[in-house]
Amino acid sequence: ALVVTAALWWVFAGMNGRKVTAHFAAAVGVYPGGDVRVLGVKVGTIDEVTPEGKTVKVVFTLDRDVRIPPGATNWMGR
């Protein structure tokens, strides 16, 4: 029963979106609970912001239907 419960939780927990981890040189004005937006359209929510030395780790959840192209990078080159 425990294995079945864990499996069902894993399946349904991922239904709302996909977790993404990104590292940035700076993340000014980025806070947990904030929106992730692409061209002004909300596509997700910021879950965690953690300074790590010279970078900032940002974990966020993207809506399931959002597609990120392979090799996507920060367009500002940071």
PDB file of N, CA and C in Angstrom:
ATOM      1  N   ALA A   1       0.833  -1.195   0.000  1.00  0.00           N
ATOM      2  CA  ALA A   1       0.000   0.000   0.000  1.00  0.00           C
ATOM      3  C   ALA A   1       0.880   1.263   0.000  1.00  0.00           C
ATOM      4  N   LEU A   2       1.984   1.208   0.747  1.00  0.00           N
ATOM      5  CA  LEU A   2       2.874   2.368   0.800  1.00  0.00           C
ATOM      6  C   LEU A   2       3.488   2.665  -0.562  1.00  0.00           C
ATOM      7  N   VAL A   3       3.890   1.623  -1.285  1.00  0.00           N
ATOM      8  CA  VAL A   3       4.481   1.807  -2.613  1.00  0.00           C
ATOM      9  C   VAL A   3       3.449   2.388  -3.574  1.00  0.00           C
ATOM     10  N   VAL A   4       2.232   1.889  -3.534  1.00  0.00           N
ATOM     11  CA  VAL A   4       1.170   2.390  -4.413  1.00  0.00           C
ATOM     12  C   VAL A   4       0.880   3.855  -4.086  1.00  0.00           C
ATOM     13  N   THR A   5       0.800   4.198  -2.811  1.00  0.00           N
ATOM     14  CA  THR A   5       0.550   5.576  -2.408  1.00  0.00           C
ATOM     15  C   THR A   5       1.660   6.498  -2.895  1.00  0.00           C
ATOM     16  N   ALA A   6       2.907   6.069  -2.716  1.00  0.00           N
ATOM     17  CA  ALA A   6       4.042   6.876  -3.171  1.00  0.00           C
ATOM     18  C   ALA A   6       4.015   7.055  -4.687  1.00  0.00           C
ATOM     19  N   ALA A   7       3.708   5.999  -5.411  1.00  0.00           N
ATOM     20  CA  ALA A   7       3.651   6.076  -6.876  1.00  0.00           C
ATOM     21  C   ALA A   7       2.543   7.028  -7.327  1.00  0.00           C
ATOM     22  N   LEU A   8       1.380   6.948  -6.707  1.00  0.00           N
ATOM     23  CA  LEU A   8       0.274   7.837  -7.070  1.00  0.00           C
ATOM     24  C   LEU A   8       0.611   9.287  -6.741  1.00  0.00           C
ATOM     25  N   TRP A   9       1.237   9.525  -5.591  1.00  0.00           N
ATOM     26  CA  TRP A   9       1.644  10.887  -5.239  1.00  0.00           C
ATOM     27  C   TRP A   9       2.607  11.432  -6.287  1.00  0.00           C
ATOM     28  N   TRP A  10       3.586  10.613  -6.694  1.00  0.00           N
ATOM     29  CA  TRP A  10       4.579  11.051  -7.672  1.00  0.00           C
ATOM     30  C   TRP A  10       3.919  11.411  -9.000  1.00  0.00           C
ATOM     31  N   VAL A  11       2.967  10.603  -9.442  1.00  0.00           N
ATOM     32  CA  VAL A  11       2.276  10.852 -10.713  1.00  0.00           C
ATOM     33  C   VAL A  11       1.448  12.126 -10.622  1.00  0.00           C
ATOM     34  N   PHE A  12       0.645  12.258  -9.570  1.00  0.00           N
ATOM     35  CA  PHE A  12      -0.257  13.402  -9.486  1.00  0.00           C
ATOM     36  C   PHE A  12       0.449  14.684  -9.077  1.00  0.00           C
ATOM     37  N   ALA A  13       1.535  14.625  -8.352  1.00  0.00           N
ATOM     38  CA  ALA A  13       2.277  15.828  -7.969  1.00  0.00           C
ATOM     39  C   ALA A  13       2.848  16.515  -9.200  1.00  0.00           C
ATOM     40  N   GLY A  14       3.207  15.751 -10.208  1.00  0.00           N
ATOM     41  CA  GLY A  14       3.784  16.317 -11.419  1.00  0.00           C
ATOM     42  C   GLY A  14       2.758  16.789 -12.432  1.00  0.00           C
ATOM     43  N   MET A  15       1.471  16.616 -12.151  1.00  0.00           N
ATOM     44  CA  MET A  15       0.446  16.984 -13.122  1.00  0.00           C
ATOM     45  C   MET A  15       0.310  18.498 -13.275  1.00  0.00           C
ATOM     46  N   ASN A  16       0.622  19.251 -12.238  1.00  0.00           N
ATOM     47  CA  ASN A  16       0.440  20.703 -12.295  1.00  0.00           C
ATOM     48  C   ASN A  16       1.558  21.406 -13.047  1.00  0.00           C
ATOM     49  N   GLY A  17       2.706  20.787 -13.182  1.00  0.00           N
ATOM     50  CA  GLY A  17       3.801  21.452 -13.868  1.00  0.00           C
ATOM     51  C   GLY A  17       5.092  20.672 -13.773  1.00  0.00           C
ATOM     52  N   ARG A  18       6.145  21.288 -14.300  1.00  0.00           N
ATOM     53  CA  ARG A  18       7.473  20.664 -14.290  1.00  0.00           C
ATOM     54  C   ARG A  18       8.430  21.535 -13.499  1.00  0.00           C
ATOM     55  N   LYS A  19       9.186  20.910 -12.610  1.00  0.00           N
ATOM     56  CA  LYS A  19      10.197  21.632 -11.828  1.00  0.00           C
ATOM     57  C   LYS A  19      11.418  21.872 -12.703  1.00  0.00           C
ATOM     58  N   VAL A  20      11.939  23.083 -12.635  1.00  0.00           N
ATOM     59  CA  VAL A  20      13.134  23.457 -13.386  1.00  0.00           C
ATOM     60  C   VAL A  20      14.085  24.145 -12.416  1.00  0.00           C
ATOM     61  N   THR A  21      15.372  23.829 -12.537  1.00  0.00           N
ATOM     62  CA  THR A  21      16.397  24.503 -11.742  1.00  0.00           C
ATOM     63  C   THR A  21      17.308  25.252 -12.700  1.00  0.00           C
ATOM     64  N   ALA A  22      17.530  26.531 -12.415  1.00  0.00           N
ATOM     65  CA  ALA A  22      18.395  27.355 -13.258  1.00  0.00           C
ATOM     66  C   ALA A  22      19.358  28.121 -12.355  1.00  0.00           C
ATOM     67  N   HIS A  23      20.541  28.416 -12.883  1.00  0.00           N
ATOM     68  CA  HIS A  23      21.539  29.192 -12.158  1.00  0.00           C
ATOM     69  C   HIS A  23      21.783  30.502 -12.913  1.00  0.00           C
ATOM     70  N   PHE A  24      21.739  31.615 -12.177  1.00  0.00           N
ATOM     71  CA  PHE A  24      21.900  32.932 -12.764  1.00  0.00           C
ATOM     72  C   PHE A  24      23.041  33.664 -12.063  1.00  0.00           C
ATOM     73  N   ALA A  25      23.652  34.605 -12.762  1.00  0.00           N
ATOM     74  CA  ALA A  25      24.694  35.442 -12.163  1.00  0.00           C
ATOM     75  C   ALA A  25      24.066  36.410 -11.154  1.00  0.00           C
ATOM     76  N   ALA A  26      22.824  36.804 -11.380  1.00  0.00           N
ATOM     77  CA  ALA A  26      22.102  37.692 -10.475  1.00  0.00           C
ATOM     78  C   ALA A  26      20.611  37.382 -10.586  1.00  0.00           C
ATOM     79  N   ALA A  27      19.892  37.616  -9.507  1.00  0.00           N
ATOM     80  CA  ALA A  27      18.444  37.384  -9.503  1.00  0.00           C
ATOM     81  C   ALA A  27      17.780  38.474  -8.662  1.00  0.00           C
ATOM     82  N   VAL A  28      17.941  39.718  -9.072  1.00  0.00           N
ATOM     83  CA  VAL A  28      17.396  40.861  -8.349  1.00  0.00           C
ATOM     84  C   VAL A  28      15.881  40.894  -8.528  1.00  0.00           C
ATOM     85  N   GLY A  29      15.162  41.012  -7.441  1.00  0.00           N
ATOM     86  CA  GLY A  29      13.703  41.098  -7.499  1.00  0.00           C
ATOM     87  C   GLY A  29      13.020  39.767  -7.758  1.00  0.00           C
ATOM     88  N   VAL A  30      13.730  38.662  -7.547  1.00  0.00           N
ATOM     89  CA  VAL A  30      13.164  37.332  -7.758  1.00  0.00           C
ATOM     90  C   VAL A  30      12.936  36.700  -6.380  1.00  0.00           C
ATOM     91  N   TYR A  31      11.687  36.342  -6.096  1.00  0.00           N
ATOM     92  CA  TYR A  31      11.336  35.829  -4.772  1.00  0.00           C
ATOM     93  C   TYR A  31      10.435  34.601  -4.888  1.00  0.00           C
ATOM     94  N   PRO A  32      10.508  33.682  -3.907  1.00  0.00           N
ATOM     95  CA  PRO A  32       9.584  32.543  -3.899  1.00  0.00           C
ATOM     96  C   PRO A  32       8.138  33.039  -3.916  1.00  0.00           C
ATOM     97  N   GLY A  33       7.323  32.385  -4.716  1.00  0.00           N
ATOM     98  CA  GLY A  33       5.929  32.775  -4.859  1.00  0.00           C
ATOM     99  C   GLY A  33       5.694  33.729  -6.011  1.00  0.00           C
ATOM    100  N   GLY A  34       6.774  34.269  -6.587  1.00  0.00           N
ATOM    101  CA  GLY A  34       6.646  35.183  -7.720  1.00  0.00           C
ATOM    102  C   GLY A  34       6.285  34.453  -9.006  1.00  0.00           C
ATOM    103  N   ASP A  35       5.893  35.215  -9.994  1.00  0.00           N
ATOM    104  CA  ASP A  35       5.512  34.652 -11.290  1.00  0.00           C
ATOM    105  C   ASP A  35       6.733  34.422 -12.168  1.00  0.00           C
ATOM    106  N   VAL A  36       6.661  33.383 -12.990  1.00  0.00           N
ATOM    107  CA  VAL A  36       7.593  33.186 -14.095  1.00  0.00           C
ATOM    108  C   VAL A  36       6.817  33.621 -15.330  1.00  0.00           C
ATOM    109  N   ARG A  37       7.369  34.566 -16.071  1.00  0.00           N
ATOM    110  CA  ARG A  37       6.662  35.102 -17.238  1.00  0.00           C
ATOM    111  C   ARG A  37       7.525  35.029 -18.487  1.00  0.00           C
ATOM    112  N   VAL A  38       6.867  34.767 -19.611  1.00  0.00           N
ATOM    113  CA  VAL A  38       7.509  34.800 -20.922  1.00  0.00           C
ATOM    114  C   VAL A  38       6.703  35.777 -21.763  1.00  0.00           C
ATOM    115  N   LEU A  39       7.357  36.852 -22.193  1.00  0.00           N
ATOM    116  CA  LEU A  39       6.698  37.907 -22.962  1.00  0.00           C
ATOM    117  C   LEU A  39       5.444  38.420 -22.251  1.00  0.00           C
ATOM    118  N   GLY A  40       5.519  38.528 -20.917  1.00  0.00           N
ATOM    119  CA  GLY A  40       4.425  39.064 -20.119  1.00  0.00           C
ATOM    120  C   GLY A  40       3.343  38.067 -19.746  1.00  0.00           C
ATOM    121  N   VAL A  41       3.426  36.850 -20.241  1.00  0.00           N
ATOM    122  CA  VAL A  41       2.415  35.835 -19.957  1.00  0.00           C
ATOM    123  C   VAL A  41       2.916  34.931 -18.833  1.00  0.00           C
ATOM    124  N   LYS A  42       2.104  34.763 -17.787  1.00  0.00           N
ATOM    125  CA  LYS A  42       2.500  33.905 -16.679  1.00  0.00           C
ATOM    126  C   LYS A  42       2.545  32.453 -17.147  1.00  0.00           C
ATOM    127  N   VAL A  43       3.705  31.812 -16.930  1.00  0.00           N
ATOM    128  CA  VAL A  43       3.879  30.417 -17.337  1.00  0.00           C
ATOM    129  C   VAL A  43       4.330  29.540 -16.177  1.00  0.00           C
ATOM    130  N   GLY A  44       4.417  30.122 -14.980  1.00  0.00           N
ATOM    131  CA  GLY A  44       4.853  29.326 -13.843  1.00  0.00           C
ATOM    132  C   GLY A  44       5.016  30.159 -12.590  1.00  0.00           C
ATOM    133  N   THR A  45       5.596  29.508 -11.561  1.00  0.00           N
ATOM    134  CA  THR A  45       5.773  30.121 -10.252  1.00  0.00           C
ATOM    135  C   THR A  45       7.157  29.802  -9.708  1.00  0.00           C
ATOM    136  N   ILE A  46       7.786  30.784  -9.070  1.00  0.00           N
ATOM    137  CA  ILE A  46       9.098  30.587  -8.456  1.00  0.00           C
ATOM    138  C   ILE A  46       8.907  29.876  -7.118  1.00  0.00           C
ATOM    139  N   ASP A  47       9.656  28.795  -6.922  1.00  0.00           N
ATOM    140  CA  ASP A  47       9.540  28.005  -5.698  1.00  0.00           C
ATOM    141  C   ASP A  47      10.641  28.316  -4.690  1.00  0.00           C
ATOM    142  N   GLU A  48      11.842  28.588  -5.175  1.00  0.00           N
ATOM    143  CA  GLU A  48      13.001  28.692  -4.285  1.00  0.00           C
ATOM    144  C   GLU A  48      14.079  29.563  -4.928  1.00  0.00           C
ATOM    145  N   VAL A  49      14.707  30.423  -4.136  1.00  0.00           N
ATOM    146  CA  VAL A  49      15.826  31.244  -4.590  1.00  0.00           C
ATOM    147  C   VAL A  49      16.943  31.082  -3.561  1.00  0.00           C
ATOM    148  N   THR A  50      18.098  30.551  -4.003  1.00  0.00           N
ATOM    149  CA  THR A  50      19.182  30.240  -3.081  1.00  0.00           C
ATOM    150  C   THR A  50      20.510  30.764  -3.617  1.00  0.00           C
ATOM    151  N   PRO A  51      21.151  31.708  -2.903  1.00  0.00           N
ATOM    152  CA  PRO A  51      22.493  32.135  -3.313  1.00  0.00           C
ATOM    153  C   PRO A  51      23.479  30.974  -3.175  1.00  0.00           C
ATOM    154  N   GLU A  52      24.331  30.791  -4.173  1.00  0.00           N
ATOM    155  CA  GLU A  52      25.340  29.722  -4.154  1.00  0.00           C
ATOM    156  C   GLU A  52      26.655  30.282  -4.683  1.00  0.00           C
ATOM    157  N   GLY A  53      27.428  30.888  -3.808  1.00  0.00           N
ATOM    158  CA  GLY A  53      28.701  31.462  -4.238  1.00  0.00           C
ATOM    159  C   GLY A  53      28.485  32.631  -5.177  1.00  0.00           C
ATOM    160  N   LYS A  54      28.985  32.511  -6.402  1.00  0.00           N
ATOM    161  CA  LYS A  54      28.868  33.597  -7.390  1.00  0.00           C
ATOM    162  C   LYS A  54      27.617  33.502  -8.253  1.00  0.00           C
ATOM    163  N   THR A  55      26.766  32.508  -7.987  1.00  0.00           N
ATOM    164  CA  THR A  55      25.525  32.368  -8.747  1.00  0.00           C
ATOM    165  C   THR A  55      24.335  32.286  -7.789  1.00  0.00           C
ATOM    166  N   VAL A  56      23.142  32.331  -8.370  1.00  0.00           N
ATOM    167  CA  VAL A  56      21.905  32.182  -7.613  1.00  0.00           C
ATOM    168  C   VAL A  56      21.127  31.033  -8.229  1.00  0.00           C
ATOM    169  N   LYS A  57      20.786  30.046  -7.405  1.00  0.00           N
ATOM    170  CA  LYS A  57      19.977  28.918  -7.887  1.00  0.00           C
ATOM    171  C   LYS A  57      18.505  29.288  -7.730  1.00  0.00           C
ATOM    172  N   VAL A  58      17.752  29.166  -8.832  1.00  0.00           N
ATOM    173  CA  VAL A  58      16.322  29.449  -8.819  1.00  0.00           C
ATOM    174  C   VAL A  58      15.596  28.177  -9.253  1.00  0.00           C
ATOM    175  N   VAL A  59      14.721  27.689  -8.380  1.00  0.00           N
ATOM    176  CA  VAL A  59      13.898  26.525  -8.699  1.00  0.00           C
ATOM    177  C   VAL A  59      12.492  27.054  -8.951  1.00  0.00           C
ATOM    178  N   PHE A  60      11.909  26.661 -10.079  1.00  0.00           N
ATOM    179  CA  PHE A  60      10.568  27.125 -10.394  1.00  0.00           C
ATOM    180  C   PHE A  60       9.774  26.012 -11.052  1.00  0.00           C
ATOM    181  N   THR A  61       8.470  26.170 -11.025  1.00  0.00           N
ATOM    182  CA  THR A  61       7.556  25.214 -11.648  1.00  0.00           C
ATOM    183  C   THR A  61       6.934  25.874 -12.863  1.00  0.00           C
ATOM    184  N   LEU A  62       7.103  25.224 -14.010  1.00  0.00           N
ATOM    185  CA  LEU A  62       6.495  25.710 -15.252  1.00  0.00           C
ATOM    186  C   LEU A  62       5.195  24.963 -15.504  1.00  0.00           C
ATOM    187  N   ASP A  63       4.227  25.663 -16.070  1.00  0.00           N
ATOM    188  CA  ASP A  63       2.994  25.000 -16.483  1.00  0.00           C
ATOM    189  C   ASP A  63       3.352  23.856 -17.430  1.00  0.00           C
ATOM    190  N   ARG A  64       2.590  22.787 -17.379  1.00  0.00           N
ATOM    191  CA  ARG A  64       2.899  21.579 -18.141  1.00  0.00           C
ATOM    192  C   ARG A  64       3.015  21.805 -19.646  1.00  0.00           C
ATOM    193  N   ASP A  65       2.233  22.716 -20.188  1.00  0.00           N
ATOM    194  CA  ASP A  65       2.226  22.900 -21.650  1.00  0.00           C
ATOM    195  C   ASP A  65       3.311  23.850 -22.151  1.00  0.00           C
ATOM    196  N   VAL A  66       4.135  24.405 -21.264  1.00  0.00           N
ATOM    197  CA  VAL A  66       5.202  25.319 -21.666  1.00  0.00           C
ATOM    198  C   VAL A  66       6.381  24.515 -22.203  1.00  0.00           C
ATOM    199  N   ARG A  67       6.859  24.875 -23.386  1.00  0.00           N
ATOM    200  CA  ARG A  67       7.993  24.188 -24.011  1.00  0.00           C
ATOM    201  C   ARG A  67       9.224  25.082 -23.944  1.00  0.00           C
ATOM    202  N   ILE A  68      10.328  24.528 -23.461  1.00  0.00           N
ATOM    203  CA  ILE A  68      11.598  25.243 -23.419  1.00  0.00           C
ATOM    204  C   ILE A  68      12.506  24.581 -24.456  1.00  0.00           C
ATOM    205  N   PRO A  69      13.027  25.349 -25.405  1.00  0.00           N
ATOM    206  CA  PRO A  69      13.872  24.733 -26.440  1.00  0.00           C
ATOM    207  C   PRO A  69      15.172  24.203 -25.851  1.00  0.00           C
ATOM    208  N   PRO A  70      15.688  23.109 -26.423  1.00  0.00           N
ATOM    209  CA  PRO A  70      16.980  22.577 -25.971  1.00  0.00           C
ATOM    210  C   PRO A  70      18.071  23.638 -26.089  1.00  0.00           C
ATOM    211  N   GLY A  71      18.926  23.716 -25.096  1.00  0.00           N
ATOM    212  CA  GLY A  71      20.022  24.671 -25.136  1.00  0.00           C
ATOM    213  C   GLY A  71      19.617  26.097 -24.815  1.00  0.00           C
ATOM    214  N   ALA A  72      18.398  26.304 -24.296  1.00  0.00           N
ATOM    215  CA  ALA A  72      17.954  27.653 -23.960  1.00  0.00           C
ATOM    216  C   ALA A  72      18.857  28.233 -22.878  1.00  0.00           C
ATOM    217  N   THR A  73      19.174  29.525 -23.019  1.00  0.00           N
ATOM    218  CA  THR A  73      20.010  30.216 -22.038  1.00  0.00           C
ATOM    219  C   THR A  73      19.402  31.565 -21.732  1.00  0.00           C
ATOM    220  N   ASN A  74      19.961  32.225 -20.749  1.00  0.00           N
ATOM    221  CA  ASN A  74      19.521  33.566 -20.377  1.00  0.00           C
ATOM    222  C   ASN A  74      19.828  34.486 -21.550  1.00  0.00           C
ATOM    223  N   TRP A  75      18.838  35.122 -22.126  1.00  0.00           N
ATOM    224  CA  TRP A  75      19.029  35.946 -23.321  1.00  0.00           C
ATOM    225  C   TRP A  75      19.893  37.166 -23.063  1.00  0.00           C
ATOM    226  N   MET A  76      20.068  37.550 -21.800  1.00  0.00           N
ATOM    227  CA  MET A  76      20.892  38.721 -21.503  1.00  0.00           C
ATOM    228  C   MET A  76      22.384  38.362 -21.453  1.00  0.00           C
ATOM    229  N   GLY A  77      22.686  37.081 -21.584  1.00  0.00           N
ATOM    230  CA  GLY A  77      24.080  36.660 -21.631  1.00  0.00           C
ATOM    231  C   GLY A  77      24.778  36.654 -20.282  1.00  0.00           C
ATOM    232  N   ARG A  78      24.012  36.674 -19.213  1.00  0.00           N
ATOM    233  CA  ARG A  78      24.608  36.661 -17.865  1.00  0.00           C
ATOM    234  C   ARG A  78      24.763  35.274 -17.348  1.00  0.00           C
TER     235      ARG A  78
END
